Amino acid sequence: MKPLSHVLQFLFVVFLSILLTIPQNALAQNHVVSSTDIQKDVAAASISREKEVAQLESFFSSSRAKQAMKSAHVTYQQVDNAVQQLNDDDLARLSARSENAQKDFAAGNLSNRNLLIIVLGILALILIIIVVR
């Protein structure tokens, strides 16, 4: 019986030796998404957010938007702070609306009054979104 126990001990030692010499990452499963892909996605999202924030800042820095904010007793700083707090989906939606309004106004499709109403509407949406959170 002793030779069998020695053989089992020897096999156990060999098994542990092999197990300890195999690199840890060889045993680990590959991730479905690589860290490089995640970094690229985060960078793309960051760039997109920066563009959307810049679009809203451009929209609210126009003379007509400043006039609308003044009539609503809202400062640019309040709007800027609120824009920074928007989530990505809300920011994208409001940025697209502001861009369309600017294009329509530049093309002559909107009057000053209409643009003023749109500015106040987008401003109200931003403030409501922030308050609801």
C-alpha atoms as a PDB file:
ATOM      1  CA  MET A   1       0.000   0.000   0.000  1.00  0.00           C
ATOM      2  CA  LYS A   2       2.899   2.313   0.645  1.00  0.00           C
ATOM      3  CA  PRO A   3       4.015   2.481  -2.977  1.00  0.00           C
ATOM      4  CA  LEU A   4       0.511   3.561  -4.037  1.00  0.00           C
ATOM      5  CA  SER A   5       0.425   6.418  -1.538  1.00  0.00           C
ATOM      6  CA  HIS A   6       3.891   7.517  -2.680  1.00  0.00           C
ATOM      7  CA  VAL A   7       2.729   7.489  -6.279  1.00  0.00           C
ATOM      8  CA  LEU A   8      -0.344   9.557  -5.373  1.00  0.00           C
ATOM      9  CA  GLN A   9       1.801  12.026  -3.425  1.00  0.00           C
ATOM     10  CA  PHE A  10       4.204  12.279  -6.332  1.00  0.00           C
ATOM     11  CA  LEU A  11       1.345  12.877  -8.808  1.00  0.00           C
ATOM     12  CA  PHE A  12      -0.145  15.489  -6.498  1.00  0.00           C
ATOM     13  CA  VAL A  13       3.183  17.330  -6.271  1.00  0.00           C
ATOM     14  CA  VAL A  14       3.585  17.202 -10.058  1.00  0.00           C
ATOM     15  CA  PHE A  15       0.040  18.500 -10.542  1.00  0.00           C
ATOM     16  CA  LEU A  16       0.631  21.413  -8.146  1.00  0.00           C
ATOM     17  CA  SER A  17       3.959  22.205  -9.775  1.00  0.00           C
ATOM     18  CA  ILE A  18       2.378  22.362 -13.206  1.00  0.00           C
ATOM     19  CA  LEU A  19      -0.525  24.403 -11.880  1.00  0.00           C
ATOM     20  CA  LEU A  20       1.799  26.935 -10.257  1.00  0.00           C
ATOM     21  CA  THR A  21       4.041  27.305 -13.304  1.00  0.00           C
ATOM     22  CA  ILE A  22       1.197  28.112 -15.718  1.00  0.00           C
ATOM     23  CA  PRO A  23       0.779  31.900 -16.028  1.00  0.00           C
ATOM     24  CA  GLN A  24      -2.345  33.235 -14.314  1.00  0.00           C
ATOM     25  CA  ASN A  25      -3.643  34.984 -17.417  1.00  0.00           C
ATOM     26  CA  ALA A  26      -3.491  31.699 -19.342  1.00  0.00           C
ATOM     27  CA  LEU A  27      -6.107  30.302 -16.985  1.00  0.00           C
ATOM     28  CA  ALA A  28      -8.272  33.399 -17.075  1.00  0.00           C
ATOM     29  CA  GLN A  29     -10.910  33.705 -19.742  1.00  0.00           C
ATOM     30  CA  ASN A  30     -10.493  36.432 -22.312  1.00  0.00           C
ATOM     31  CA  HIS A  31     -12.836  39.343 -21.767  1.00  0.00           C
ATOM     32  CA  VAL A  32     -15.566  39.808 -24.301  1.00  0.00           C
ATOM     33  CA  VAL A  33     -14.587  43.482 -24.672  1.00  0.00           C
ATOM     34  CA  SER A  34     -10.934  44.442 -24.531  1.00  0.00           C
ATOM     35  CA  SER A  35      -9.768  47.310 -22.365  1.00  0.00           C
ATOM     36  CA  THR A  36      -8.579  49.095 -25.520  1.00  0.00           C
ATOM     37  CA  ASP A  37     -12.104  48.994 -26.948  1.00  0.00           C
ATOM     38  CA  ILE A  38     -13.502  50.341 -23.690  1.00  0.00           C
ATOM     39  CA  GLN A  39     -10.976  53.179 -23.686  1.00  0.00           C
ATOM     40  CA  LYS A  40     -11.874  54.037 -27.297  1.00  0.00           C
ATOM     41  CA  ASP A  41     -15.589  54.085 -26.435  1.00  0.00           C
ATOM     42  CA  VAL A  42     -15.008  56.297 -23.401  1.00  0.00           C
ATOM     43  CA  ALA A  43     -12.885  58.685 -25.458  1.00  0.00           C
ATOM     44  CA  ALA A  44     -15.532  58.837 -28.204  1.00  0.00           C
ATOM     45  CA  ALA A  45     -18.265  59.502 -25.655  1.00  0.00           C
ATOM     46  CA  SER A  46     -16.161  62.238 -24.083  1.00  0.00           C
ATOM     47  CA  ILE A  47     -15.535  63.904 -27.438  1.00  0.00           C
ATOM     48  CA  SER A  48     -19.221  63.680 -28.322  1.00  0.00           C
ATOM     49  CA  ARG A  49     -20.225  65.204 -24.976  1.00  0.00           C
ATOM     50  CA  GLU A  50     -17.727  68.045 -25.437  1.00  0.00           C
ATOM     51  CA  LYS A  51     -19.191  68.822 -28.885  1.00  0.00           C
ATOM     52  CA  GLU A  52     -22.738  68.824 -27.531  1.00  0.00           C
ATOM     53  CA  VAL A  53     -21.816  71.059 -24.591  1.00  0.00           C
ATOM     54  CA  ALA A  54     -20.038  73.420 -27.012  1.00  0.00           C
ATOM     55  CA  GLN A  55     -23.156  73.500 -29.213  1.00  0.00           C
ATOM     56  CA  LEU A  56     -25.371  74.481 -26.283  1.00  0.00           C
ATOM     57  CA  GLU A  57     -22.820  77.024 -25.075  1.00  0.00           C
ATOM     58  CA  SER A  58     -22.756  78.545 -28.554  1.00  0.00           C
ATOM     59  CA  PHE A  59     -26.549  78.611 -28.638  1.00  0.00           C
ATOM     60  CA  PHE A  60     -26.898  80.285 -25.240  1.00  0.00           C
ATOM     61  CA  SER A  61     -24.073  82.758 -25.865  1.00  0.00           C
ATOM     62  CA  SER A  62     -25.849  84.343 -28.836  1.00  0.00           C
ATOM     63  CA  SER A  63     -27.276  87.817 -28.305  1.00  0.00           C
ATOM     64  CA  ARG A  64     -30.863  86.589 -28.754  1.00  0.00           C
ATOM     65  CA  ALA A  65     -30.384  83.807 -26.196  1.00  0.00           C
ATOM     66  CA  LYS A  66     -28.825  86.232 -23.726  1.00  0.00           C
ATOM     67  CA  GLN A  67     -31.808  88.517 -24.227  1.00  0.00           C
ATOM     68  CA  ALA A  68     -34.182  85.605 -23.565  1.00  0.00           C
ATOM     69  CA  MET A  69     -32.265  84.565 -20.442  1.00  0.00           C
ATOM     70  CA  LYS A  70     -32.300  88.145 -19.190  1.00  0.00           C
ATOM     71  CA  SER A  71     -36.066  88.346 -19.633  1.00  0.00           C
ATOM     72  CA  ALA A  72     -36.398  85.047 -17.708  1.00  0.00           C
ATOM     73  CA  HIS A  73     -34.042  86.347 -14.968  1.00  0.00           C
ATOM     74  CA  VAL A  74     -31.580  83.524 -15.581  1.00  0.00           C
ATOM     75  CA  THR A  75     -27.833  84.040 -15.758  1.00  0.00           C
ATOM     76  CA  TYR A  76     -25.521  82.375 -18.248  1.00  0.00           C
ATOM     77  CA  GLN A  77     -23.650  80.809 -15.308  1.00  0.00           C
ATOM     78  CA  GLN A  78     -26.861  79.105 -14.120  1.00  0.00           C
ATOM     79  CA  VAL A  79     -27.457  77.728 -17.589  1.00  0.00           C
ATOM     80  CA  ASP A  80     -23.852  76.571 -17.924  1.00  0.00           C
ATOM     81  CA  ASN A  81     -24.007  74.795 -14.553  1.00  0.00           C
ATOM     82  CA  ALA A  82     -27.282  73.123 -15.528  1.00  0.00           C
ATOM     83  CA  VAL A  83     -25.899  72.003 -18.908  1.00  0.00           C
ATOM     84  CA  GLN A  84     -22.919  70.359 -17.179  1.00  0.00           C
ATOM     85  CA  GLN A  85     -25.333  68.313 -15.039  1.00  0.00           C
ATOM     86  CA  LEU A  86     -27.322  66.883 -17.959  1.00  0.00           C
ATOM     87  CA  ASN A  87     -26.930  63.197 -18.714  1.00  0.00           C
ATOM     88  CA  ASP A  88     -25.647  62.189 -22.149  1.00  0.00           C
ATOM     89  CA  ASP A  89     -29.071  61.452 -23.661  1.00  0.00           C
ATOM     90  CA  ASP A  90     -30.649  64.736 -22.559  1.00  0.00           C
ATOM     91  CA  LEU A  91     -27.566  66.657 -23.621  1.00  0.00           C
ATOM     92  CA  ALA A  92     -27.600  65.078 -27.094  1.00  0.00           C
ATOM     93  CA  ARG A  93     -31.318  65.764 -27.562  1.00  0.00           C
ATOM     94  CA  LEU A  94     -31.123  69.412 -26.456  1.00  0.00           C
ATOM     95  CA  SER A  95     -27.948  70.005 -28.426  1.00  0.00           C
ATOM     96  CA  ALA A  96     -29.635  68.747 -31.599  1.00  0.00           C
ATOM     97  CA  ARG A  97     -32.653  70.979 -30.972  1.00  0.00           C
ATOM     98  CA  SER A  98     -30.498  74.039 -30.414  1.00  0.00           C
ATOM     99  CA  GLU A  99     -28.497  73.291 -33.566  1.00  0.00           C
ATOM    100  CA  ASN A 100     -31.681  72.962 -35.626  1.00  0.00           C
ATOM    101  CA  ALA A 101     -33.031  76.225 -34.207  1.00  0.00           C
ATOM    102  CA  GLN A 102     -29.805  78.042 -35.078  1.00  0.00           C
ATOM    103  CA  LYS A 103     -29.849  76.655 -38.621  1.00  0.00           C
ATOM    104  CA  ASP A 104     -33.512  77.568 -39.101  1.00  0.00           C
ATOM    105  CA  PHE A 105     -32.914  81.093 -37.837  1.00  0.00           C
ATOM    106  CA  ALA A 106     -29.850  81.538 -40.061  1.00  0.00           C
ATOM    107  CA  ALA A 107     -31.874  80.324 -43.050  1.00  0.00           C
ATOM    108  CA  GLY A 108     -34.630  82.824 -42.258  1.00  0.00           C
ATOM    109  CA  ASN A 109     -37.168  80.163 -41.321  1.00  0.00           C
ATOM    110  CA  LEU A 110     -37.577  81.590 -37.816  1.00  0.00           C
ATOM    111  CA  SER A 111     -38.330  85.070 -36.610  1.00  0.00           C
ATOM    112  CA  ASN A 112     -36.668  86.650 -33.605  1.00  0.00           C
ATOM    113  CA  ARG A 113     -39.817  85.943 -31.614  1.00  0.00           C
ATOM    114  CA  ASN A 114     -39.832  82.257 -32.560  1.00  0.00           C
ATOM    115  CA  LEU A 115     -36.153  81.892 -31.703  1.00  0.00           C
ATOM    116  CA  LEU A 116     -36.804  83.593 -28.369  1.00  0.00           C
ATOM    117  CA  ILE A 117     -39.564  81.103 -27.623  1.00  0.00           C
ATOM    118  CA  ILE A 118     -37.302  78.182 -28.572  1.00  0.00           C
ATOM    119  CA  VAL A 119     -34.498  79.509 -26.352  1.00  0.00           C
ATOM    120  CA  LEU A 120     -36.871  79.815 -23.417  1.00  0.00           C
ATOM    121  CA  GLY A 121     -38.271  76.353 -24.130  1.00  0.00           C
ATOM    122  CA  ILE A 122     -34.853  74.700 -24.193  1.00  0.00           C
ATOM    123  CA  LEU A 123     -33.859  76.661 -21.108  1.00  0.00           C
ATOM    124  CA  ALA A 124     -36.995  75.480 -19.316  1.00  0.00           C
ATOM    125  CA  LEU A 125     -36.328  71.872 -20.346  1.00  0.00           C
ATOM    126  CA  ILE A 126     -32.795  72.036 -18.977  1.00  0.00           C
ATOM    127  CA  LEU A 127     -33.955  73.459 -15.669  1.00  0.00           C
ATOM    128  CA  ILE A 128     -36.811  70.926 -15.369  1.00  0.00           C
ATOM    129  CA  ILE A 129     -34.485  68.015 -16.078  1.00  0.00           C
ATOM    130  CA  ILE A 130     -32.082  69.227 -13.391  1.00  0.00           C
ATOM    131  CA  VAL A 131     -34.843  69.796 -10.825  1.00  0.00           C
ATOM    132  CA  VAL A 132     -36.427  66.384 -11.437  1.00  0.00           C
ATOM    133  CA  ARG A 133     -33.165  64.636 -10.641  1.00  0.00           C
END
